[in-house]
Amino acid sequence: GTLTPIAYSDDVVSAIGKPPNLPINESIAGKVYLSNEAVRTDNVTSHEEVHNPQTNIRSQLIVPIEGYGVILCGNTTPSGFSNRTQRLLELLARNAEAVFERTERERTLKGHEQKLERKTRMLQRVESLNEQLRQLSQIAVQADSRIELEQKTCDLFESHEPFTFLWCGDFSPEGNELQPQTWAGDERGYLETDHFRLDGPVHEPAIRTARSKNATVISNIARDVNRSPWRQEALRRGFKSAISVPVAYQDVRYGVLTRYSNERDSFTGRIRSALVDWGELMGYAINQIEKTGAILSTEGNVLRFELASRSCPLLRIAQERQCTIQFGGLRQQEGQHSKVYVRVLDQSPQQFIAAARDSTGITAVTRVPKSGEDTLFQ
């Protein structure tokens, strides 16, 4: 080890230049530090452990600051220090030692207080999250549609600090990108950035989760910011940490749930585990919603409809795309919306979804998993 200069008087530089680092095992100052005993040298050049035999310093007084370092005094004339001077310097060193010890105790105490505050805040967040999950369980049971479930999830999570933004993403019909379905919080155009393609080089948390099917936690978004464009975009919006969890049930993947915080290290082990559990529960709830819808679409009275008005969006799609749309069922929702189940012939699922999303009168369109040879749409 070495003793490194941390402070010195103005006349030191004119006498010896910039003070050097002194090796603990090969210098007089190092000997004083290790033995904790002062050394007064009347003729430095005659001392075997002198650091620089060519030094202009002729006499030297070094006293230890126990456990912290040493104080060095030099004189360009031999025998430049008296017993009185040594006693004064030793008194100064003891006072410095007392100050350093008090400062260290205060720093340690402050560190303990900060650690306790962080732990308390984290426990409060975990308890808050547990309460949210209890509310979400009720939402999962009562939701009549996937969109309702996802939007209420976003709204509930976003209302609790320090989580500033959250969104649910689904796979595009082509399967090559994540498409935002619902979100809440201060997004500020983040979802409009070009960072959500699955076939690109971007490692945004949502993309990593979609690729790996595992949760992704980013504790410090500022790390390696120069090499990651998505981190730059996130930091511009005040995001400092993030987590993304898969939304899936068994072998069916529905998308991802991604959450951002304005604080670093917001997603500890407990919070991460709770969000992963919610992603699994959310996947199960979506699966049940779609199964219930599919069952209801095959039960009930048989009615025959004849539609001629182009105000019907499904009729417009059939005419413009020159395809056949088979009506599979109708489920009345609260408000002015109804849930309709259809099968499409002579048209790829991707083309139909794109047309439905562009059509006025259709608020959402999803594919019902495992719905047979002909894909069922809701």
Protein backbone atom coordinates (compact mmCIF):
# COMPACT_ATOMS: atom_id res chain seq x y z
CA GLY A 1 0.00 0.00 0.00
CA THR A 2 0.90 3.65 -0.21
CA LEU A 3 0.33 6.85 1.72
CA THR A 4 -1.21 9.44 -0.60
CA PRO A 5 -0.96 13.22 0.02
CA ILE A 6 -4.40 14.75 0.61
CA ALA A 7 -3.43 18.24 1.82
CA TYR A 8 -0.23 20.28 2.11
CA SER A 9 0.91 23.88 2.63
CA ASP A 10 1.90 26.20 -0.22
CA ASP A 11 5.63 26.16 0.55
CA VAL A 12 5.87 22.37 0.11
CA VAL A 13 5.82 22.60 -3.69
CA SER A 14 8.60 25.22 -3.79
CA ALA A 15 10.76 23.05 -1.51
CA ILE A 16 10.31 19.55 -2.97
CA GLY A 17 7.82 19.85 -5.83
CA LYS A 18 4.57 17.92 -5.85
CA PRO A 19 4.49 15.60 -2.78
CA PRO A 20 4.96 11.95 -3.82
CA ASN A 21 3.04 8.85 -2.84
CA LEU A 22 5.02 7.01 -0.17
CA PRO A 23 5.16 3.19 -0.04
CA ILE A 24 4.14 1.98 3.41
CA ASN A 25 6.83 -0.71 3.59
CA GLU A 26 9.70 1.35 2.16
CA SER A 27 9.49 4.83 3.71
CA ILE A 28 9.91 6.56 7.06
CA ALA A 29 6.28 7.76 6.89
CA GLY A 30 5.15 4.18 6.32
CA LYS A 31 7.13 3.00 9.35
CA VAL A 32 5.45 5.69 11.48
CA TYR A 33 1.99 4.68 10.20
CA LEU A 34 2.54 0.98 10.95
CA SER A 35 4.18 1.45 14.37
CA ASN A 36 1.93 4.34 15.45
CA GLU A 37 4.97 6.08 16.95
CA ALA A 38 6.36 9.49 15.98
CA VAL A 39 9.79 9.77 14.33
CA ARG A 40 11.97 12.88 14.44
CA THR A 41 15.00 12.84 12.15
CA ASP A 42 17.69 15.50 12.46
CA ASN A 43 19.44 14.46 9.23
CA VAL A 44 17.11 12.84 6.69
CA THR A 45 19.83 11.94 4.16
CA SER A 46 21.52 9.64 6.70
CA HIS A 47 18.38 7.62 7.24
CA GLU A 48 18.22 4.23 5.47
CA GLU A 49 14.51 4.52 4.63
CA VAL A 50 14.58 8.00 3.12
CA HIS A 51 12.31 8.05 0.07
CA ASN A 52 14.45 10.46 -1.98
CA PRO A 53 18.16 10.75 -1.02
CA GLN A 54 18.41 13.89 -3.22
CA THR A 55 15.68 15.76 -1.35
CA ASN A 56 16.21 19.34 -0.15
CA ILE A 57 14.70 18.40 3.20
CA ARG A 58 17.33 17.91 5.90
CA SER A 59 15.30 17.35 9.08
CA GLN A 60 11.88 15.79 9.39
CA LEU A 61 9.15 15.22 11.96
CA ILE A 62 6.41 12.64 11.31
CA VAL A 63 3.59 11.85 13.76
CA PRO A 64 0.83 9.25 13.25
CA ILE A 65 -2.92 9.79 13.07
CA GLU A 66 -3.82 6.34 14.33
CA GLY A 67 -5.62 4.30 11.69
CA TYR A 68 -5.92 7.20 9.25
CA GLY A 69 -2.47 8.38 8.15
CA VAL A 70 0.39 10.63 9.23
CA ILE A 71 1.36 14.30 9.45
CA LEU A 72 4.78 15.17 7.95
CA CYS A 73 6.79 18.30 8.67
CA GLY A 74 10.07 19.03 6.91
CA ASN A 75 12.84 21.60 7.30
CA THR A 76 15.64 22.48 4.88
CA THR A 77 18.09 22.79 7.79
CA PRO A 78 19.33 19.94 10.03
CA SER A 79 17.84 19.56 13.55
CA GLY A 80 14.98 21.88 12.65
CA PHE A 81 12.43 20.53 15.17
CA SER A 82 12.42 20.80 18.98
CA ASN A 83 10.72 18.66 21.61
CA ARG A 84 8.11 21.37 22.06
CA THR A 85 7.30 21.34 18.36
CA GLN A 86 6.91 17.55 18.44
CA ARG A 87 4.50 17.73 21.40
CA LEU A 88 2.38 20.35 19.60
CA LEU A 89 2.27 18.26 16.42
CA GLU A 90 1.30 15.14 18.38
CA LEU A 91 -1.51 17.10 20.04
CA LEU A 92 -2.69 18.25 16.61
CA ALA A 93 -2.63 14.65 15.38
CA ARG A 94 -4.74 13.46 18.34
CA ASN A 95 -7.28 16.20 17.66
CA ALA A 96 -7.37 15.22 13.99
CA GLU A 97 -7.85 11.57 14.99
CA ALA A 98 -10.81 12.52 17.21
CA VAL A 99 -12.39 14.53 14.35
CA PHE A 100 -11.90 11.66 11.87
CA GLU A 101 -13.41 9.15 14.29
CA ARG A 102 -16.45 11.36 14.92
CA THR A 103 -16.89 11.95 11.16
CA GLU A 104 -16.64 8.22 10.51
CA ARG A 105 -19.20 7.44 13.21
CA GLU A 106 -21.58 10.03 11.79
CA ARG A 107 -21.10 8.65 8.29
CA THR A 108 -21.74 5.12 9.51
CA LEU A 109 -24.82 6.19 11.45
CA LYS A 110 -26.15 8.10 8.45
CA GLY A 111 -25.56 5.04 6.28
CA HIS A 112 -27.55 2.88 8.72
CA GLU A 113 -30.37 5.43 8.77
CA GLN A 114 -30.48 5.58 4.98
CA LYS A 115 -30.47 1.79 4.76
CA LEU A 116 -33.33 1.62 7.27
CA GLU A 117 -35.28 4.27 5.34
CA ARG A 118 -34.80 2.36 2.07
CA LYS A 119 -35.92 -0.87 3.73
CA THR A 120 -38.97 0.84 5.21
CA ARG A 121 -39.91 2.36 1.84
CA MET A 122 -39.47 -1.01 0.15
CA LEU A 123 -41.67 -2.77 2.71
CA GLN A 124 -44.32 -0.09 2.21
CA ARG A 125 -44.15 -0.61 -1.55
CA VAL A 126 -44.41 -4.37 -1.18
CA GLU A 127 -47.48 -3.98 1.05
CA SER A 128 -48.96 -1.49 -1.42
CA LEU A 129 -48.28 -3.92 -4.26
CA ASN A 130 -49.93 -6.76 -2.34
CA GLU A 131 -53.02 -4.59 -1.91
CA GLN A 132 -52.98 -3.83 -5.65
CA LEU A 133 -52.77 -7.54 -6.44
CA ARG A 134 -55.81 -8.20 -4.26
CA GLN A 135 -57.72 -5.54 -6.20
CA LEU A 136 -56.44 -6.94 -9.49
CA SER A 137 -57.69 -10.39 -8.57
CA GLN A 138 -61.19 -8.93 -8.39
CA ILE A 139 -60.66 -7.15 -11.70
CA ALA A 140 -59.54 -10.43 -13.30
CA VAL A 141 -62.73 -12.15 -12.14
CA GLN A 142 -65.07 -9.35 -13.20
CA ALA A 143 -63.50 -8.26 -16.52
CA ASP A 144 -65.59 -9.07 -19.58
CA SER A 145 -62.82 -8.46 -22.13
CA ARG A 146 -59.08 -8.58 -22.45
CA ILE A 147 -58.92 -4.84 -23.20
CA GLU A 148 -60.83 -4.06 -20.02
CA LEU A 149 -58.54 -6.30 -17.96
CA GLU A 150 -55.35 -4.79 -19.39
CA GLN A 151 -56.51 -1.17 -19.11
CA LYS A 152 -57.64 -1.54 -15.51
CA THR A 153 -54.33 -3.22 -14.70
CA CYS A 154 -52.42 -0.27 -16.15
CA ASP A 155 -54.61 2.29 -14.39
CA LEU A 156 -54.27 0.62 -11.00
CA PHE A 157 -50.50 0.11 -11.15
CA GLU A 158 -49.83 3.61 -12.46
CA SER A 159 -51.60 5.25 -9.53
CA HIS A 160 -48.84 4.21 -7.09
CA GLU A 161 -45.42 5.89 -6.89
CA PRO A 162 -42.64 5.60 -7.90
CA PHE A 163 -44.03 3.78 -10.94
CA THR A 164 -44.51 6.44 -13.60
CA PHE A 165 -45.53 4.49 -16.69
CA LEU A 166 -46.85 1.04 -17.57
CA TRP A 167 -48.07 -0.63 -20.75
CA CYS A 168 -49.36 -3.95 -22.06
CA GLY A 169 -48.01 -5.15 -25.38
CA ASP A 170 -49.30 -7.84 -27.74
CA PHE A 171 -47.56 -9.57 -30.63
CA SER A 172 -48.26 -8.20 -34.09
CA PRO A 173 -50.09 -10.49 -36.57
CA GLU A 174 -46.74 -11.10 -38.28
CA GLY A 175 -45.12 -11.89 -34.94
CA ASN A 176 -42.17 -9.56 -35.58
CA GLU A 177 -42.95 -6.71 -33.15
CA LEU A 178 -44.73 -5.77 -29.95
CA GLN A 179 -47.75 -3.53 -30.34
CA PRO A 180 -49.00 -1.43 -27.39
CA GLN A 181 -52.59 -2.32 -26.47
CA THR A 182 -53.19 -0.35 -23.28
CA TRP A 183 -51.07 1.96 -21.14
CA ALA A 184 -51.21 4.48 -18.30
CA GLY A 185 -48.89 7.11 -16.89
CA ASP A 186 -46.50 9.69 -18.28
CA GLU A 187 -45.54 8.00 -21.56
CA ARG A 188 -44.41 11.16 -23.44
CA GLY A 189 -44.13 9.45 -26.79
CA TYR A 190 -41.97 6.55 -25.61
CA LEU A 191 -44.18 3.96 -27.31
CA GLU A 192 -43.76 5.81 -30.61
CA THR A 193 -40.01 5.10 -30.66
CA ASP A 194 -38.65 2.39 -32.93
CA HIS A 195 -37.51 0.02 -30.18
CA PHE A 196 -40.14 -2.71 -30.18
CA ARG A 197 -39.29 -4.91 -33.15
CA LEU A 198 -38.53 -8.51 -32.25
CA ASP A 199 -36.32 -9.03 -35.30
CA GLY A 200 -34.02 -6.07 -34.57
CA PRO A 201 -30.92 -5.50 -32.42
CA VAL A 202 -32.72 -3.54 -29.68
CA HIS A 203 -32.64 -4.91 -26.11
CA GLU A 204 -35.51 -2.89 -24.61
CA PRO A 205 -36.87 -4.78 -21.54
CA ALA A 206 -40.18 -5.63 -23.22
CA ILE A 207 -38.36 -7.06 -26.25
CA ARG A 208 -36.00 -9.10 -24.08
CA THR A 209 -38.94 -10.59 -22.20
CA ALA A 210 -40.85 -11.33 -25.40
CA ARG A 211 -37.80 -13.14 -26.80
CA SER A 212 -36.74 -15.03 -23.68
CA LYS A 213 -40.21 -15.62 -22.14
CA ASN A 214 -38.63 -14.63 -18.80
CA ALA A 215 -38.89 -11.52 -16.65
CA THR A 216 -36.38 -8.74 -17.37
CA VAL A 217 -35.25 -6.29 -14.67
CA ILE A 218 -33.20 -3.17 -15.42
CA SER A 219 -32.04 -1.70 -12.10
CA ASN A 220 -30.19 1.28 -13.58
CA ILE A 221 -31.20 2.47 -17.05
CA ALA A 222 -28.36 5.01 -17.06
CA ARG A 223 -25.73 2.24 -17.19
CA ASP A 224 -24.16 1.85 -20.68
CA VAL A 225 -26.48 4.57 -21.95
CA ASN A 226 -24.13 5.55 -24.79
CA ARG A 227 -24.37 2.07 -26.31
CA SER A 228 -28.14 1.62 -25.99
CA PRO A 229 -30.46 4.03 -27.86
CA TRP A 230 -33.52 2.76 -25.96
CA ARG A 231 -31.85 3.74 -22.66
CA GLN A 232 -31.31 7.27 -24.00
CA GLU A 233 -34.99 7.56 -24.92
CA ALA A 234 -36.03 6.21 -21.51
CA LEU A 235 -33.76 8.60 -19.59
CA ARG A 236 -35.12 11.58 -21.55
CA ARG A 237 -38.51 10.70 -20.10
CA GLY A 238 -37.26 10.29 -16.54
CA PHE A 239 -37.29 6.48 -16.43
CA LYS A 240 -34.50 5.14 -14.20
CA SER A 241 -35.40 1.46 -13.77
CA ALA A 242 -37.77 -0.97 -15.45
CA ILE A 243 -39.26 -4.45 -15.33
CA SER A 244 -41.04 -6.50 -17.98
CA VAL A 245 -42.86 -9.77 -17.27
CA PRO A 246 -44.46 -12.23 -19.69
CA VAL A 247 -48.24 -12.49 -19.87
CA ALA A 248 -48.85 -16.15 -20.66
CA TYR A 249 -50.89 -19.20 -19.71
CA GLN A 250 -49.40 -22.65 -20.25
CA ASP A 251 -47.97 -22.60 -23.79
CA VAL A 252 -50.03 -19.61 -25.00
CA ARG A 253 -48.23 -16.25 -24.97
CA TYR A 254 -50.43 -13.16 -24.87
CA GLY A 255 -47.73 -10.49 -24.67
CA VAL A 256 -45.81 -8.60 -21.99
CA LEU A 257 -46.47 -6.22 -19.12
CA THR A 258 -43.77 -3.56 -18.75
CA ARG A 259 -43.38 -1.06 -15.95
CA TYR A 260 -41.01 1.91 -15.50
CA SER A 261 -39.96 3.84 -12.39
CA ASN A 262 -38.44 7.27 -11.78
CA GLU A 263 -36.11 5.72 -9.17
CA ARG A 264 -33.23 3.27 -9.48
CA ASP A 265 -33.49 -0.26 -8.06
CA SER A 266 -37.29 -0.06 -7.75
CA PHE A 267 -37.90 -3.69 -8.58
CA THR A 268 -36.48 -5.83 -5.78
CA GLY A 269 -36.90 -9.56 -5.41
CA ARG A 270 -40.29 -9.31 -3.67
CA ILE A 271 -41.74 -6.82 -6.14
CA ARG A 272 -40.34 -8.77 -9.05
CA SER A 273 -41.88 -12.02 -7.79
CA ALA A 274 -45.26 -10.35 -7.27
CA LEU A 275 -45.28 -8.91 -10.80
CA VAL A 276 -44.25 -12.25 -12.32
CA ASP A 277 -47.13 -13.90 -10.45
CA TRP A 278 -49.52 -11.26 -11.76
CA GLY A 279 -48.32 -11.86 -15.33
CA GLU A 280 -49.23 -15.54 -14.93
CA LEU A 281 -52.61 -14.74 -13.35
CA MET A 282 -53.30 -12.18 -16.06
CA GLY A 283 -52.53 -14.79 -18.73
CA TYR A 284 -54.94 -17.23 -17.07
CA ALA A 285 -57.64 -14.55 -16.85
CA ILE A 286 -57.27 -13.69 -20.55
CA ASN A 287 -57.47 -17.36 -21.42
CA GLN A 288 -60.69 -17.75 -19.44
CA ILE A 289 -62.19 -14.60 -20.96
CA GLU A 290 -61.51 -15.91 -24.47
CA LYS A 291 -62.78 -19.39 -23.65
CA THR A 292 -65.97 -17.97 -22.16
CA GLY A 293 -66.47 -15.79 -25.21
CA ALA A 294 -65.91 -18.73 -27.54
CA ILE A 295 -68.42 -20.88 -25.63
CA LEU A 296 -71.03 -18.15 -25.60
CA SER A 297 -70.53 -17.62 -29.31
CA THR A 298 -71.69 -21.21 -29.98
CA GLU A 299 -74.73 -21.20 -27.67
CA GLY A 300 -78.11 -19.46 -27.75
CA ASN A 301 -80.97 -18.95 -30.20
CA VAL A 302 -80.38 -19.26 -33.91
CA LEU A 303 -81.18 -16.01 -35.75
CA ARG A 304 -80.81 -15.10 -39.40
CA PHE A 305 -79.57 -11.61 -40.32
CA GLU A 306 -79.40 -9.87 -43.66
CA LEU A 307 -77.17 -6.80 -43.70
CA ALA A 308 -77.15 -4.35 -46.59
CA SER A 309 -75.95 -1.10 -45.05
CA ARG A 310 -72.27 -0.22 -45.39
CA SER A 311 -72.46 1.29 -41.91
CA CYS A 312 -71.72 -2.26 -40.71
CA PRO A 313 -67.89 -2.45 -40.47
CA LEU A 314 -67.80 -6.22 -41.07
CA LEU A 315 -69.82 -5.83 -44.26
CA ARG A 316 -67.44 -3.10 -45.46
CA ILE A 317 -64.41 -5.31 -44.79
CA ALA A 318 -66.01 -8.26 -46.63
CA GLN A 319 -66.79 -6.12 -49.65
CA GLU A 320 -63.50 -4.24 -49.79
CA ARG A 321 -61.36 -7.32 -49.16
CA GLN A 322 -63.57 -9.63 -51.25
CA CYS A 323 -63.70 -12.25 -48.52
CA THR A 324 -66.37 -14.18 -46.62
CA ILE A 325 -66.98 -13.40 -42.97
CA GLN A 326 -68.95 -15.99 -41.01
CA PHE A 327 -70.86 -14.67 -38.02
CA GLY A 328 -70.11 -16.84 -34.98
CA GLY A 329 -71.94 -15.17 -32.14
CA LEU A 330 -72.82 -11.96 -30.32
CA ARG A 331 -72.32 -11.06 -26.68
CA GLN A 332 -73.87 -7.87 -25.35
CA GLN A 333 -71.50 -5.70 -23.27
CA GLU A 334 -72.18 -2.86 -20.88
CA GLY A 335 -72.60 0.49 -22.59
CA GLN A 336 -72.80 0.83 -26.37
CA HIS A 337 -70.34 -1.92 -27.30
CA SER A 338 -70.99 -5.55 -28.22
CA LYS A 339 -68.57 -8.42 -28.57
CA VAL A 340 -68.86 -10.23 -31.92
CA TYR A 341 -67.23 -13.54 -32.90
CA VAL A 342 -66.48 -14.21 -36.57
CA ARG A 343 -64.51 -16.54 -38.82
CA VAL A 344 -62.92 -15.24 -42.02
CA LEU A 345 -62.55 -17.18 -45.27
CA ASP A 346 -60.36 -16.29 -48.27
CA GLN A 347 -58.26 -13.90 -46.20
CA SER A 348 -55.17 -14.32 -44.01
CA PRO A 349 -55.53 -13.56 -40.28
CA GLN A 350 -52.94 -10.79 -40.59
CA GLN A 351 -54.84 -9.07 -43.41
CA PHE A 352 -58.14 -9.26 -41.55
CA ILE A 353 -56.67 -7.89 -38.31
CA ALA A 354 -55.05 -4.99 -40.18
CA ALA A 355 -58.35 -4.19 -41.93
CA ALA A 356 -60.34 -4.41 -38.67
CA ARG A 357 -57.97 -2.08 -36.85
CA ASP A 358 -58.31 0.49 -39.65
CA SER A 359 -62.11 0.22 -39.73
CA THR A 360 -64.36 2.74 -38.03
CA GLY A 361 -66.72 1.08 -35.58
CA ILE A 362 -64.36 -1.68 -34.40
CA THR A 363 -62.59 -0.78 -31.16
CA ALA A 364 -60.47 -3.93 -30.76
CA VAL A 365 -59.80 -7.23 -32.52
CA THR A 366 -58.06 -10.33 -31.15
CA ARG A 367 -57.56 -13.91 -32.23
CA VAL A 368 -59.03 -16.64 -30.02
CA PRO A 369 -56.22 -19.20 -29.38
CA LYS A 370 -56.74 -22.83 -30.37
CA SER A 371 -60.07 -22.08 -32.08
CA GLY A 372 -59.82 -24.79 -34.74
CA GLU A 373 -58.77 -24.95 -38.37
CA ASP A 374 -60.49 -21.63 -39.19
CA THR A 375 -59.27 -18.88 -36.87
CA LEU A 376 -61.93 -17.37 -34.63
CA PHE A 377 -61.74 -13.61 -34.08
CA GLN A 378 -63.24 -11.60 -31.25
